[in-house]
Amino acid sequence: MDKSEPTSLMEYENPDSQPRRELERFARHLTSNNITLADDLIHDALLTVWRHSHEGQISIQNIEAYLKTAIKNRYFDHLRRERSKPQVQSIEAEAFSSHPLMDFLASETEGVFNAVWESQVQDWLNNALTDLQQTHPHEADAFRRHFFFGWNFEEIAQKHGVAMTTAYRRVERAKKLLTQKASEWLNRTEEPT
C-alpha cells in the first residue's frame, strides 16, 4: 500500500493494528508511560494528518515518520504549557510572601486552616479576575490564556490581533494589577488569634 495515500491512515486508526501499537509504544515511551497523554497525542496527530491530507494541503511520503514527529512536537508543546502553569502560584507567592500572616501559615501544621485559607485565596482570585475583566478586559483575557491555558505570547498576540510585545505587556500589566490587589487584600485581612 502506498504510504502517501490517505487510506494508509486506516492502519494507524485501528487500535489493533501493528502500526498503531508501535505508535502507542513510541508515545508512551516519550511520555514516561502516561497512557492518557500518549493517547491524546496520538489522536491529535492523527486528526491533524487526516484533516490536512483530505484537504490536499500536504502529501505525506512517510506517514510513520510524520506521525512520530507530530507526536513529539505536540508533547513538547504540552511540556511548555505545563511549565507555564506554576507561574500562577508564583504570582500568589509574590503577593503573599511578604505578609506577616504567611509566617503563621508556614508554622500551621493542621490542614483545616490551610484548606480554609486556600479557599479564601481562590475566592479572592476569582473575584479579582472578575474585577480585572471589567476594568481591563484585554489584560484579563491575556492573563487567563497565558497562566491558566498555557498559551504563549505569540498565540495570545494572534488571538488579540496585536504584536507579541503588546501581548506580553498585557500579561505583565495584569500581573501587576493583581499583585497590587493581593497586597491590599492581605493588608485588610486580620491576623488570626
Protein backbone atom coordinates (compact mmCIF):
# COMPACT_ATOMS: atom_id res chain seq x y z
CA MET A 1 0.00 0.00 0.00
CA ASP A 2 1.35 3.44 -0.93
CA LYS A 3 2.12 5.46 2.22
CA SER A 4 1.14 8.74 0.53
CA GLU A 5 -2.48 7.62 0.12
CA PRO A 6 -4.92 8.80 2.78
CA THR A 7 -6.16 5.20 3.16
CA SER A 8 -2.82 4.31 4.81
CA LEU A 9 -4.06 6.31 7.78
CA MET A 10 -6.54 3.49 8.37
CA GLU A 11 -3.67 1.32 9.57
CA TYR A 12 -2.91 3.82 12.34
CA GLU A 13 -6.54 4.47 13.22
CA ASN A 14 -7.19 0.79 14.01
CA PRO A 15 -6.16 0.23 17.67
CA ASP A 16 -5.43 -3.46 16.98
CA SER A 17 -3.07 -2.92 14.07
CA GLN A 18 0.69 -3.38 14.35
CA PRO A 19 1.50 0.19 13.15
CA ARG A 20 -0.87 1.64 15.77
CA ARG A 21 0.67 -0.46 18.56
CA GLU A 22 4.15 0.71 17.53
CA LEU A 23 2.93 4.31 17.56
CA GLU A 24 1.42 3.79 21.02
CA ARG A 25 4.70 2.31 22.28
CA PHE A 26 6.56 5.33 20.93
CA ALA A 27 4.15 7.81 22.53
CA ARG A 28 4.14 6.00 25.88
CA HIS A 29 7.93 5.91 25.92
CA LEU A 30 8.01 9.63 25.13
CA THR A 31 5.53 10.45 27.92
CA SER A 32 7.06 8.10 30.51
CA ASN A 33 4.06 5.75 30.31
CA ASN A 34 1.41 8.44 30.76
CA ILE A 35 -1.20 6.46 28.83
CA THR A 36 -3.83 9.20 28.76
CA LEU A 37 -1.40 11.81 27.46
CA ALA A 38 0.06 9.36 24.94
CA ASP A 39 -3.41 8.55 23.59
CA ASP A 40 -4.30 12.26 23.39
CA LEU A 41 -1.10 12.98 21.46
CA ILE A 42 -1.76 10.14 19.02
CA HIS A 43 -5.35 11.18 18.42
CA ASP A 44 -4.37 14.81 17.91
CA ALA A 45 -1.61 13.88 15.45
CA LEU A 46 -3.90 11.51 13.53
CA LEU A 47 -6.64 14.12 13.34
CA THR A 48 -4.21 16.73 12.02
CA VAL A 49 -2.77 14.38 9.40
CA TRP A 50 -6.21 13.21 8.35
CA ARG A 51 -7.55 16.76 8.05
CA HIS A 52 -4.56 18.08 6.09
CA SER A 53 -4.30 15.09 3.78
CA HIS A 54 -8.01 15.23 2.93
CA GLU A 55 -7.84 18.98 2.30
CA GLY A 56 -4.94 18.39 -0.08
CA GLN A 57 -2.63 20.63 1.95
CA ILE A 58 0.09 18.03 2.37
CA SER A 59 1.32 14.90 0.66
CA ILE A 60 2.99 12.55 3.11
CA GLN A 61 5.61 10.17 1.79
CA ASN A 62 6.47 8.53 5.14
CA ILE A 63 3.42 8.65 7.38
CA GLU A 64 5.11 6.90 10.31
CA ALA A 65 7.91 9.48 10.49
CA TYR A 66 5.40 12.29 10.06
CA LEU A 67 3.19 10.98 12.87
CA LYS A 68 6.12 10.47 15.23
CA THR A 69 7.36 13.99 14.56
CA ALA A 70 3.86 15.38 15.09
CA ILE A 71 3.54 13.48 18.37
CA LYS A 72 6.95 14.75 19.57
CA ASN A 73 6.04 18.33 18.68
CA ARG A 74 2.72 18.10 20.50
CA TYR A 75 4.45 16.59 23.51
CA PHE A 76 6.94 19.46 23.62
CA ASP A 77 4.04 21.94 23.37
CA HIS A 78 2.42 20.12 26.29
CA LEU A 79 5.64 20.40 28.34
CA ARG A 80 5.90 24.13 27.62
CA ARG A 81 2.32 24.65 28.73
CA GLU A 82 2.86 22.61 31.89
CA ARG A 83 5.94 24.68 32.74
CA SER A 84 3.93 27.87 32.49
CA LYS A 85 1.26 26.72 34.97
CA PRO A 86 3.36 27.09 38.15
CA GLN A 87 3.73 30.77 37.32
CA VAL A 88 0.19 31.29 38.63
CA GLN A 89 1.40 30.09 42.01
CA SER A 90 4.44 32.35 41.82
CA ILE A 91 2.18 35.39 41.37
CA GLU A 92 0.28 34.44 44.51
CA ALA A 93 3.55 33.80 46.32
CA GLU A 94 4.95 37.14 45.18
CA ALA A 95 1.94 38.97 46.61
CA PHE A 96 1.53 36.91 49.76
CA SER A 97 5.07 36.03 50.81
CA SER A 98 5.86 39.37 52.46
CA HIS A 99 2.68 39.45 54.53
CA PRO A 100 3.01 38.66 58.28
CA LEU A 101 0.18 36.18 58.00
CA MET A 102 2.40 33.94 55.88
CA ASP A 103 4.69 33.24 58.86
CA PHE A 104 1.68 31.98 60.77
CA LEU A 105 0.56 29.83 57.85
CA ALA A 106 4.02 28.36 57.42
CA SER A 107 4.04 27.22 61.04
CA GLU A 108 0.47 25.91 60.97
CA THR A 109 0.52 22.11 60.88
CA GLU A 110 -3.20 21.44 60.75
CA GLY A 111 -4.59 21.10 57.24
CA VAL A 112 -8.00 22.50 58.14
CA PHE A 113 -6.79 26.08 58.47
CA ASN A 114 -4.73 25.82 55.30
CA ALA A 115 -7.74 24.44 53.40
CA VAL A 116 -9.86 27.36 54.60
CA TRP A 117 -7.09 29.79 53.65
CA GLU A 118 -6.71 28.21 50.20
CA SER A 119 -10.46 28.51 49.71
CA GLN A 120 -10.33 32.21 50.65
CA VAL A 121 -7.40 32.79 48.30
CA GLN A 122 -9.25 31.03 45.48
CA ASP A 123 -12.38 33.11 46.12
CA TRP A 124 -10.27 36.27 46.18
CA LEU A 125 -8.52 35.32 42.93
CA ASN A 126 -11.83 34.62 41.18
CA ASN A 127 -13.21 37.98 42.34
CA ALA A 128 -10.00 39.80 41.40
CA LEU A 129 -10.06 38.30 37.91
CA THR A 130 -13.73 39.25 37.51
CA ASP A 131 -12.91 42.83 38.54
CA LEU A 132 -9.93 42.87 36.21
CA GLN A 133 -12.15 41.64 33.36
CA GLN A 134 -14.46 44.61 33.90
CA THR A 135 -11.73 47.25 34.18
CA HIS A 136 -9.03 45.83 31.89
CA PRO A 137 -10.64 43.19 29.63
CA HIS A 138 -7.67 42.71 27.27
CA GLU A 139 -5.24 42.27 30.15
CA ALA A 140 -7.55 39.83 31.95
CA ASP A 141 -8.03 37.74 28.83
CA ALA A 142 -4.29 37.65 28.09
CA PHE A 143 -3.54 36.73 31.71
CA ARG A 144 -6.06 33.87 31.72
CA ARG A 145 -4.88 32.48 28.40
CA HIS A 146 -1.23 32.62 29.46
CA PHE A 147 -1.44 31.30 33.02
CA PHE A 148 -4.49 29.07 33.03
CA PHE A 149 -4.41 27.67 29.49
CA GLY A 150 -0.67 27.79 28.84
CA TRP A 151 -0.80 29.97 25.75
CA ASN A 152 2.45 31.62 24.74
CA PHE A 153 2.66 35.31 23.88
CA GLU A 154 2.64 34.64 20.17
CA GLU A 155 -0.66 32.74 20.42
CA ILE A 156 -2.19 35.49 22.55
CA ALA A 157 -0.99 38.14 20.09
CA GLN A 158 -2.62 36.27 17.20
CA LYS A 159 -5.89 35.88 19.10
CA HIS A 160 -5.97 39.59 20.04
CA GLY A 161 -4.64 40.80 16.69
CA VAL A 162 -1.72 42.68 18.29
CA ALA A 163 2.07 42.48 18.35
CA MET A 164 3.73 39.90 20.58
CA THR A 165 5.25 42.64 22.76
CA THR A 166 1.76 44.05 23.33
CA ALA A 167 0.53 40.62 24.45
CA TYR A 168 3.49 40.40 26.85
CA ARG A 169 2.77 43.87 28.24
CA ARG A 170 -0.88 42.99 28.78
CA VAL A 171 0.04 39.92 30.80
CA GLU A 172 2.61 41.89 32.82
CA ARG A 173 0.10 44.70 33.46
CA ALA A 174 -2.46 42.14 34.67
CA LYS A 175 0.16 40.57 36.97
CA LYS A 176 0.99 43.99 38.40
CA LEU A 177 -2.66 44.89 38.96
CA LEU A 178 -3.41 41.52 40.59
CA THR A 179 -0.32 41.78 42.79
CA GLN A 180 -1.45 45.23 43.97
CA LYS A 181 -4.95 43.90 44.68
CA ALA A 182 -3.49 40.94 46.57
CA SER A 183 -1.36 43.22 48.70
CA GLU A 184 -4.39 45.38 49.54
CA TRP A 185 -6.47 42.30 50.34
CA LEU A 186 -3.81 40.86 52.61
CA ASN A 187 -3.39 44.15 54.43
CA ARG A 188 -7.12 44.15 55.17
CA THR A 189 -7.08 40.52 56.36
CA GLU A 190 -6.68 40.33 60.10
CA GLU A 191 -4.09 38.01 61.57
CA PRO A 192 -5.72 35.05 63.36
CA THR A 193 -5.50 34.97 67.15
